[in-house]
Amino acid sequence: SYFEITYVQKGQGNYFVNGQEYMMEPGDIIIF
């Protein structure tokens, strides 16, 4: 029930949202 802003400092991963897949790397930002 809250907003989120996440900053990737290290490592890699895939985030899934709204039917999309985002490859996340250091320096990337993702918001929900």
PDB file of all heavy atoms in Angstrom:
ATOM      1  N   SER A   1       0.810  -1.221   0.000  1.00  0.00           N
ATOM      2  CA  SER A   1       0.000   0.000   0.000  1.00  0.00           C
ATOM      3  C   SER A   1       0.841   1.268   0.000  1.00  0.00           C
ATOM      4  O   SER A   1       0.322   2.355   0.221  1.00  0.00           O
ATOM      5  CB  SER A   1      -0.928   0.004   1.227  1.00  0.00           C
ATOM      6  OG  SER A   1      -0.158  -0.051   2.419  1.00  0.00           O
ATOM      7  N   TYR A   2       2.129   1.136  -0.232  1.00  0.00           N
ATOM      8  CA  TYR A   2       3.016   2.298  -0.263  1.00  0.00           C
ATOM      9  C   TYR A   2       3.776   2.319  -1.586  1.00  0.00           C
ATOM     10  O   TYR A   2       3.740   1.368  -2.361  1.00  0.00           O
ATOM     11  CB  TYR A   2       3.995   2.250   0.913  1.00  0.00           C
ATOM     12  CG  TYR A   2       4.579   0.881   1.165  1.00  0.00           C
ATOM     13  CD1 TYR A   2       5.648   0.394   0.399  1.00  0.00           C
ATOM     14  CD2 TYR A   2       4.055   0.056   2.160  1.00  0.00           C
ATOM     15  CE1 TYR A   2       6.167  -0.867   0.616  1.00  0.00           C
ATOM     16  CE2 TYR A   2       4.578  -1.214   2.384  1.00  0.00           C
ATOM     17  CZ  TYR A   2       5.627  -1.664   1.611  1.00  0.00           C
ATOM     18  OH  TYR A   2       6.137  -2.907   1.818  1.00  0.00           O
ATOM     19  N   PHE A   3       4.471   3.429  -1.851  1.00  0.00           N
ATOM     20  CA  PHE A   3       5.276   3.572  -3.050  1.00  0.00           C
ATOM     21  C   PHE A   3       6.697   3.093  -2.765  1.00  0.00           C
ATOM     22  O   PHE A   3       7.166   3.146  -1.626  1.00  0.00           O
ATOM     23  CB  PHE A   3       5.314   5.032  -3.514  1.00  0.00           C
ATOM     24  CG  PHE A   3       3.955   5.586  -3.865  1.00  0.00           C
ATOM     25  CD1 PHE A   3       3.645   6.909  -3.600  1.00  0.00           C
ATOM     26  CD2 PHE A   3       2.993   4.789  -4.462  1.00  0.00           C
ATOM     27  CE1 PHE A   3       2.404   7.430  -3.924  1.00  0.00           C
ATOM     28  CE2 PHE A   3       1.758   5.293  -4.795  1.00  0.00           C
ATOM     29  CZ  PHE A   3       1.455   6.618  -4.518  1.00  0.00           C
ATOM     30  N   GLU A   4       7.375   2.663  -3.814  1.00  0.00           N
ATOM     31  CA  GLU A   4       8.731   2.135  -3.640  1.00  0.00           C
ATOM     32  C   GLU A   4       9.650   2.649  -4.737  1.00  0.00           C
ATOM     33  O   GLU A   4       9.283   2.673  -5.911  1.00  0.00           O
ATOM     34  CB  GLU A   4       8.716   0.597  -3.678  1.00  0.00           C
ATOM     35  CG  GLU A   4      10.106  -0.038  -3.621  1.00  0.00           C
ATOM     36  CD  GLU A   4      10.066  -1.557  -3.714  1.00  0.00           C
ATOM     37  OE1 GLU A   4       9.039  -2.161  -3.357  1.00  0.00           O
ATOM     38  OE2 GLU A   4      11.084  -2.141  -4.156  1.00  0.00           O
ATOM     39  N   ILE A   5      10.836   3.081  -4.346  1.00  0.00           N
ATOM     40  CA  ILE A   5      11.909   3.425  -5.282  1.00  0.00           C
ATOM     41  C   ILE A   5      13.140   2.647  -4.832  1.00  0.00           C
ATOM     42  O   ILE A   5      13.614   2.821  -3.713  1.00  0.00           O
ATOM     43  CB  ILE A   5      12.210   4.933  -5.293  1.00  0.00           C
ATOM     44  CG1 ILE A   5      10.958   5.735  -5.670  1.00  0.00           C
ATOM     45  CG2 ILE A   5      13.344   5.239  -6.281  1.00  0.00           C
ATOM     46  CD1 ILE A   5      11.163   7.251  -5.662  1.00  0.00           C
ATOM     47  N   THR A   6      13.659   1.789  -5.699  1.00  0.00           N
ATOM     48  CA  THR A   6      14.783   0.928  -5.348  1.00  0.00           C
ATOM     49  C   THR A   6      15.971   1.205  -6.260  1.00  0.00           C
ATOM     50  O   THR A   6      15.822   1.306  -7.474  1.00  0.00           O
ATOM     51  CB  THR A   6      14.378  -0.561  -5.445  1.00  0.00           C
ATOM     52  OG1 THR A   6      13.487  -0.871  -4.368  1.00  0.00           O
ATOM     53  CG2 THR A   6      15.594  -1.469  -5.359  1.00  0.00           C
ATOM     54  N   TYR A   7      17.134   1.301  -5.656  1.00  0.00           N
ATOM     55  CA  TYR A   7      18.391   1.576  -6.350  1.00  0.00           C
ATOM     56  C   TYR A   7      19.285   0.341  -6.236  1.00  0.00           C
ATOM     57  O   TYR A   7      19.591  -0.107  -5.133  1.00  0.00           O
ATOM     58  CB  TYR A   7      19.024   2.827  -5.725  1.00  0.00           C
ATOM     59  CG  TYR A   7      20.493   3.063  -5.964  1.00  0.00           C
ATOM     60  CD1 TYR A   7      21.136   2.669  -7.132  1.00  0.00           C
ATOM     61  CD2 TYR A   7      21.250   3.729  -4.994  1.00  0.00           C
ATOM     62  CE1 TYR A   7      22.485   2.907  -7.327  1.00  0.00           C
ATOM     63  CE2 TYR A   7      22.607   3.985  -5.178  1.00  0.00           C
ATOM     64  CZ  TYR A   7      23.218   3.554  -6.345  1.00  0.00           C
ATOM     65  OH  TYR A   7      24.555   3.794  -6.539  1.00  0.00           O
ATOM     66  N   VAL A   8      19.687  -0.216  -7.368  1.00  0.00           N
ATOM     67  CA  VAL A   8      20.553  -1.396  -7.381  1.00  0.00           C
ATOM     68  C   VAL A   8      22.004  -0.942  -7.230  1.00  0.00           C
ATOM     69  O   VAL A   8      22.543  -0.267  -8.102  1.00  0.00           O
ATOM     70  CB  VAL A   8      20.393  -2.204  -8.686  1.00  0.00           C
ATOM     71  CG1 VAL A   8      21.317  -3.424  -8.673  1.00  0.00           C
ATOM     72  CG2 VAL A   8      18.950  -2.646  -8.872  1.00  0.00           C
ATOM     73  N   GLN A   9      22.626  -1.326  -6.125  1.00  0.00           N
ATOM     74  CA  GLN A   9      24.012  -0.945  -5.884  1.00  0.00           C
ATOM     75  C   GLN A   9      24.998  -1.992  -6.396  1.00  0.00           C
ATOM     76  O   GLN A   9      26.091  -1.674  -6.840  1.00  0.00           O
ATOM     77  CB  GLN A   9      24.240  -0.739  -4.383  1.00  0.00           C
ATOM     78  CG  GLN A   9      23.434   0.404  -3.781  1.00  0.00           C
ATOM     79  CD  GLN A   9      23.720   0.546  -2.302  1.00  0.00           C
ATOM     80  OE1 GLN A   9      23.448  -0.344  -1.499  1.00  0.00           O
ATOM     81  NE2 GLN A   9      24.290   1.675  -1.926  1.00  0.00           N
ATOM     82  N   LYS A  10      24.579  -3.264  -6.308  1.00  0.00           N
ATOM     83  CA  LYS A  10      25.483  -4.346  -6.679  1.00  0.00           C
ATOM     84  C   LYS A  10      24.673  -5.552  -7.136  1.00  0.00           C
ATOM     85  O   LYS A  10      23.582  -5.797  -6.630  1.00  0.00           O
ATOM     86  CB  LYS A  10      26.355  -4.737  -5.476  1.00  0.00           C
ATOM     87  CG  LYS A  10      27.294  -5.909  -5.710  1.00  0.00           C
ATOM     88  CD  LYS A  10      27.999  -6.305  -4.414  1.00  0.00           C
ATOM     89  CE  LYS A  10      28.863  -7.544  -4.605  1.00  0.00           C
ATOM     90  NZ  LYS A  10      29.484  -7.984  -3.336  1.00  0.00           N
ATOM     91  N   GLY A  11      25.214  -6.310  -8.092  1.00  0.00           N
ATOM     92  CA  GLY A  11      24.581  -7.546  -8.523  1.00  0.00           C
ATOM     93  C   GLY A  11      23.607  -7.363  -9.670  1.00  0.00           C
ATOM     94  O   GLY A  11      23.355  -6.239 -10.133  1.00  0.00           O
ATOM     95  N   GLN A  12      23.047  -8.472 -10.124  1.00  0.00           N
ATOM     96  CA  GLN A  12      22.113  -8.476 -11.238  1.00  0.00           C
ATOM     97  C   GLN A  12      20.900  -9.333 -10.904  1.00  0.00           C
ATOM     98  O   GLN A  12      20.990 -10.300 -10.159  1.00  0.00           O
ATOM     99  CB  GLN A  12      22.777  -9.052 -12.496  1.00  0.00           C
ATOM    100  CG  GLN A  12      23.918  -8.218 -13.057  1.00  0.00           C
ATOM    101  CD  GLN A  12      24.507  -8.865 -14.297  1.00  0.00           C
ATOM    102  OE1 GLN A  12      24.658 -10.087 -14.364  1.00  0.00           O
ATOM    103  NE2 GLN A  12      24.846  -8.053 -15.286  1.00  0.00           N
ATOM    104  N   GLY A  13      19.768  -8.959 -11.479  1.00  0.00           N
ATOM    105  CA  GLY A  13      18.550  -9.742 -11.277  1.00  0.00           C
ATOM    106  C   GLY A  13      17.475  -9.297 -12.239  1.00  0.00           C
ATOM    107  O   GLY A  13      17.577  -8.230 -12.858  1.00  0.00           O
ATOM    108  N   ASN A  14      16.462 -10.110 -12.376  1.00  0.00           N
ATOM    109  CA  ASN A  14      15.310  -9.784 -13.214  1.00  0.00           C
ATOM    110  C   ASN A  14      14.138  -9.390 -12.331  1.00  0.00           C
ATOM    111  O   ASN A  14      13.814 -10.106 -11.375  1.00  0.00           O
ATOM    112  CB  ASN A  14      14.916 -10.970 -14.093  1.00  0.00           C
ATOM    113  CG  ASN A  14      15.934 -11.251 -15.183  1.00  0.00           C
ATOM    114  OD1 ASN A  14      16.672 -10.348 -15.587  1.00  0.00           O
ATOM    115  ND2 ASN A  14      16.002 -12.475 -15.653  1.00  0.00           N
ATOM    116  N   TYR A  15      13.511  -8.269 -12.651  1.00  0.00           N
ATOM    117  CA  TYR A  15      12.298  -7.852 -11.970  1.00  0.00           C
ATOM    118  C   TYR A  15      11.123  -8.013 -12.922  1.00  0.00           C
ATOM    119  O   TYR A  15      11.245  -7.729 -14.120  1.00  0.00           O
ATOM    120  CB  TYR A  15      12.397  -6.393 -11.513  1.00  0.00           C
ATOM    121  CG  TYR A  15      12.992  -6.229 -10.131  1.00  0.00           C
ATOM    122  CD1 TYR A  15      14.352  -6.403  -9.923  1.00  0.00           C
ATOM    123  CD2 TYR A  15      12.196  -5.921  -9.044  1.00  0.00           C
ATOM    124  CE1 TYR A  15      14.909  -6.265  -8.655  1.00  0.00           C
ATOM    125  CE2 TYR A  15      12.741  -5.776  -7.770  1.00  0.00           C
ATOM    126  CZ  TYR A  15      14.091  -5.947  -7.590  1.00  0.00           C
ATOM    127  OH  TYR A  15      14.635  -5.813  -6.334  1.00  0.00           O
ATOM    128  N   PHE A  16       9.981  -8.464 -12.390  1.00  0.00           N
ATOM    129  CA  PHE A  16       8.793  -8.707 -13.193  1.00  0.00           C
ATOM    130  C   PHE A  16       7.662  -7.818 -12.686  1.00  0.00           C
ATOM    131  O   PHE A  16       7.327  -7.844 -11.497  1.00  0.00           O
ATOM    132  CB  PHE A  16       8.378 -10.174 -13.099  1.00  0.00           C
ATOM    133  CG  PHE A  16       9.496 -11.140 -13.406  1.00  0.00           C
ATOM    134  CD1 PHE A  16      10.325 -11.616 -12.404  1.00  0.00           C
ATOM    135  CD2 PHE A  16       9.725 -11.569 -14.708  1.00  0.00           C
ATOM    136  CE1 PHE A  16      11.363 -12.505 -12.685  1.00  0.00           C
ATOM    137  CE2 PHE A  16      10.758 -12.448 -14.997  1.00  0.00           C
ATOM    138  CZ  PHE A  16      11.566 -12.919 -13.986  1.00  0.00           C
ATOM    139  N   VAL A  17       7.071  -7.035 -13.593  1.00  0.00           N
ATOM    140  CA  VAL A  17       5.957  -6.172 -13.220  1.00  0.00           C
ATOM    141  C   VAL A  17       5.172  -5.817 -14.478  1.00  0.00           C
ATOM    142  O   VAL A  17       5.748  -5.591 -15.544  1.00  0.00           O
ATOM    143  CB  VAL A  17       6.463  -4.887 -12.501  1.00  0.00           C
ATOM    144  CG1 VAL A  17       7.414  -4.090 -13.372  1.00  0.00           C
ATOM    145  CG2 VAL A  17       5.287  -4.022 -12.056  1.00  0.00           C
ATOM    146  N   ASN A  18       3.855  -5.807 -14.351  1.00  0.00           N
ATOM    147  CA  ASN A  18       2.963  -5.440 -15.463  1.00  0.00           C
ATOM    148  C   ASN A  18       3.235  -6.236 -16.736  1.00  0.00           C
ATOM    149  O   ASN A  18       3.169  -5.719 -17.851  1.00  0.00           O
ATOM    150  CB  ASN A  18       3.079  -3.942 -15.769  1.00  0.00           C
ATOM    151  CG  ASN A  18       2.482  -3.089 -14.665  1.00  0.00           C
ATOM    152  OD1 ASN A  18       1.498  -3.472 -14.031  1.00  0.00           O
ATOM    153  ND2 ASN A  18       3.083  -1.934 -14.418  1.00  0.00           N
ATOM    154  N   GLY A  19       3.558  -7.507 -16.567  1.00  0.00           N
ATOM    155  CA  GLY A  19       3.805  -8.345 -17.725  1.00  0.00           C
ATOM    156  C   GLY A  19       5.148  -8.109 -18.387  1.00  0.00           C
ATOM    157  O   GLY A  19       5.446  -8.692 -19.433  1.00  0.00           O
ATOM    158  N   GLN A  20       5.984  -7.257 -17.802  1.00  0.00           N
ATOM    159  CA  GLN A  20       7.299  -6.952 -18.351  1.00  0.00           C
ATOM    160  C   GLN A  20       8.389  -7.559 -17.476  1.00  0.00           C
ATOM    161  O   GLN A  20       8.225  -7.722 -16.269  1.00  0.00           O
ATOM    162  CB  GLN A  20       7.510  -5.430 -18.423  1.00  0.00           C
ATOM    163  CG  GLN A  20       6.536  -4.700 -19.322  1.00  0.00           C
ATOM    164  CD  GLN A  20       6.772  -4.991 -20.784  1.00  0.00           C
ATOM    165  OE1 GLN A  20       7.906  -5.103 -21.231  1.00  0.00           O
ATOM    166  NE2 GLN A  20       5.690  -5.121 -21.546  1.00  0.00           N
ATOM    167  N   GLU A  21       9.504  -7.872 -18.111  1.00  0.00           N
ATOM    168  CA  GLU A  21      10.674  -8.368 -17.386  1.00  0.00           C
ATOM    169  C   GLU A  21      11.818  -7.386 -17.594  1.00  0.00           C
ATOM    170  O   GLU A  21      12.158  -7.048 -18.726  1.00  0.00           O
ATOM    171  CB  GLU A  21      11.074  -9.750 -17.904  1.00  0.00           C
ATOM    172  CG  GLU A  21      12.296 -10.339 -17.222  1.00  0.00           C
ATOM    173  CD  GLU A  21      12.613 -11.745 -17.701  1.00  0.00           C
ATOM    174  OE1 GLU A  21      11.737 -12.370 -18.343  1.00  0.00           O
ATOM    175  OE2 GLU A  21      13.740 -12.214 -17.446  1.00  0.00           O
ATOM    176  N   TYR A  22      12.372  -6.891 -16.502  1.00  0.00           N
ATOM    177  CA  TYR A  22      13.449  -5.903 -16.572  1.00  0.00           C
ATOM    178  C   TYR A  22      14.736  -6.495 -16.001  1.00  0.00           C
ATOM    179  O   TYR A  22      14.768  -6.956 -14.862  1.00  0.00           O
ATOM    180  CB  TYR A  22      13.092  -4.641 -15.784  1.00  0.00           C
ATOM    181  CG  TYR A  22      11.878  -3.906 -16.301  1.00  0.00           C
ATOM    182  CD1 TYR A  22      10.663  -3.945 -15.607  1.00  0.00           C
ATOM    183  CD2 TYR A  22      11.936  -3.175 -17.482  1.00  0.00           C
ATOM    184  CE1 TYR A  22       9.553  -3.264 -16.067  1.00  0.00           C
ATOM    185  CE2 TYR A  22      10.833  -2.492 -17.959  1.00  0.00           C
ATOM    186  CZ  TYR A  22       9.641  -2.542 -17.247  1.00  0.00           C
ATOM    187  OH  TYR A  22       8.538  -1.878 -17.716  1.00  0.00           O
ATOM    188  N   MET A  23      15.775  -6.469 -16.806  1.00  0.00           N
ATOM    189  CA  MET A  23      17.099  -6.890 -16.340  1.00  0.00           C
ATOM    190  C   MET A  23      17.709  -5.722 -15.566  1.00  0.00           C
ATOM    191  O   MET A  23      17.913  -4.637 -16.114  1.00  0.00           O
ATOM    192  CB  MET A  23      17.965  -7.253 -17.548  1.00  0.00           C
ATOM    193  CG  MET A  23      19.413  -7.507 -17.208  1.00  0.00           C
ATOM    194  SD  MET A  23      19.637  -8.969 -16.212  1.00  0.00           S
ATOM    195  CE  MET A  23      21.437  -9.019 -16.114  1.00  0.00           C
ATOM    196  N   MET A  24      17.984  -5.929 -14.281  1.00  0.00           N
ATOM    197  CA  MET A  24      18.477  -4.873 -13.428  1.00  0.00           C
ATOM    198  C   MET A  24      19.961  -5.072 -13.132  1.00  0.00           C
ATOM    199  O   MET A  24      20.400  -6.168 -12.771  1.00  0.00           O
ATOM    200  CB  MET A  24      17.693  -4.853 -12.114  1.00  0.00           C
ATOM    201  CG  MET A  24      16.194  -4.656 -12.285  1.00  0.00           C
ATOM    202  SD  MET A  24      15.750  -3.055 -12.990  1.00  0.00           S
ATOM    203  CE  MET A  24      16.336  -1.958 -11.685  1.00  0.00           C
ATOM    204  N   GLU A  25      20.730  -3.991 -13.277  1.00  0.00           N
ATOM    205  CA  GLU A  25      22.171  -4.006 -13.050  1.00  0.00           C
ATOM    206  C   GLU A  25      22.560  -2.851 -12.142  1.00  0.00           C
ATOM    207  O   GLU A  25      21.745  -1.951 -11.886  1.00  0.00           O
ATOM    208  CB  GLU A  25      22.905  -3.918 -14.380  1.00  0.00           C
ATOM    209  CG  GLU A  25      22.640  -5.081 -15.311  1.00  0.00           C
ATOM    210  CD  GLU A  25      23.398  -4.964 -16.622  1.00  0.00           C
ATOM    211  OE1 GLU A  25      23.355  -3.878 -17.241  1.00  0.00           O
ATOM    212  OE2 GLU A  25      24.047  -5.943 -17.012  1.00  0.00           O
ATOM    213  N   PRO A  26      23.790  -2.831 -11.635  1.00  0.00           N
ATOM    214  CA  PRO A  26      24.213  -1.737 -10.758  1.00  0.00           C
ATOM    215  C   PRO A  26      23.984  -0.371 -11.396  1.00  0.00           C
ATOM    216  O   PRO A  26      24.297  -0.154 -12.567  1.00  0.00           O
ATOM    217  CB  PRO A  26      25.711  -2.011 -10.557  1.00  0.00           C
ATOM    218  CG  PRO A  26      25.820  -3.493 -10.682  1.00  0.00           C
ATOM    219  CD  PRO A  26      24.835  -3.872 -11.752  1.00  0.00           C
ATOM    220  N   GLY A  27      23.407   0.540 -10.611  1.00  0.00           N
ATOM    221  CA  GLY A  27      23.113   1.881 -11.099  1.00  0.00           C
ATOM    222  C   GLY A  27      21.692   2.043 -11.590  1.00  0.00           C
ATOM    223  O   GLY A  27      21.216   3.178 -11.768  1.00  0.00           O
ATOM    224  N   ASP A  28      20.964   0.946 -11.810  1.00  0.00           N
ATOM    225  CA  ASP A  28      19.584   1.025 -12.273  1.00  0.00           C
ATOM    226  C   ASP A  28      18.659   1.378 -11.113  1.00  0.00           C
ATOM    227  O   ASP A  28      18.923   1.063  -9.949  1.00  0.00           O
ATOM    228  CB  ASP A  28      19.126  -0.303 -12.877  1.00  0.00           C
ATOM    229  CG  ASP A  28      19.812  -0.610 -14.199  1.00  0.00           C
ATOM    230  OD1 ASP A  28      20.463   0.299 -14.757  1.00  0.00           O
ATOM    231  OD2 ASP A  28      19.688  -1.757 -14.677  1.00  0.00           O
ATOM    232  N   ILE A  29      17.539   2.013 -11.467  1.00  0.00           N
ATOM    233  CA  ILE A  29      16.495   2.367 -10.506  1.00  0.00           C
ATOM    234  C   ILE A  29      15.210   1.681 -10.966  1.00  0.00           C
ATOM    235  O   ILE A  29      14.940   1.600 -12.164  1.00  0.00           O
ATOM    236  CB  ILE A  29      16.246   3.890 -10.468  1.00  0.00           C
ATOM    237  CG1 ILE A  29      17.556   4.667 -10.280  1.00  0.00           C
ATOM    238  CG2 ILE A  29      15.215   4.250  -9.409  1.00  0.00           C
ATOM    239  CD1 ILE A  29      18.181   4.523  -8.934  1.00  0.00           C
ATOM    240  N   ILE A  30      14.410   1.204 -10.019  1.00  0.00           N
ATOM    241  CA  ILE A  30      13.099   0.683 -10.383  1.00  0.00           C
ATOM    242  C   ILE A  30      12.072   1.240  -9.406  1.00  0.00           C
ATOM    243  O   ILE A  30      12.349   1.374  -8.204  1.00  0.00           O
ATOM    244  CB  ILE A  30      13.066  -0.862 -10.406  1.00  0.00           C
ATOM    245  CG1 ILE A  30      11.807  -1.356 -11.098  1.00  0.00           C
ATOM    246  CG2 ILE A  30      13.247  -1.462  -9.023  1.00  0.00           C
ATOM    247  CD1 ILE A  30      11.894  -2.781 -11.621  1.00  0.00           C
ATOM    248  N   ILE A  31      10.898   1.632  -9.935  1.00  0.00           N
ATOM    249  CA  ILE A  31       9.874   2.223  -9.075  1.00  0.00           C
ATOM    250  C   ILE A  31       8.559   1.469  -9.231  1.00  0.00           C
ATOM    251  O   ILE A  31       8.245   0.963 -10.311  1.00  0.00           O
ATOM    252  CB  ILE A  31       9.681   3.739  -9.353  1.00  0.00           C
ATOM    253  CG1 ILE A  31       8.957   3.968 -10.683  1.00  0.00           C
ATOM    254  CG2 ILE A  31      11.006   4.470  -9.337  1.00  0.00           C
ATOM    255  CD1 ILE A  31       8.611   5.433 -10.909  1.00  0.00           C
ATOM    256  N   PHE A  32       7.814   1.383  -8.120  1.00  0.00           N
ATOM    257  CA  PHE A  32       6.513   0.717  -8.109  1.00  0.00           C
ATOM    258  C   PHE A  32       5.523   1.599  -7.368  1.00  0.00           C
ATOM    259  O   PHE A  32       5.860   2.210  -6.353  1.00  0.00           O
ATOM    260  CB  PHE A  32       6.582  -0.637  -7.384  1.00  0.00           C
ATOM    261  CG  PHE A  32       7.643  -1.558  -7.913  1.00  0.00           C
ATOM    262  CD1 PHE A  32       8.783  -1.833  -7.168  1.00  0.00           C
ATOM    263  CD2 PHE A  32       7.509  -2.153  -9.153  1.00  0.00           C
ATOM    264  CE1 PHE A  32       9.757  -2.693  -7.641  1.00  0.00           C
ATOM    265  CE2 PHE A  32       8.481  -3.015  -9.642  1.00  0.00           C
ATOM    266  CZ  PHE A  32       9.609  -3.279  -8.892  1.00  0.00           C
TER     267      PHE A  32
END
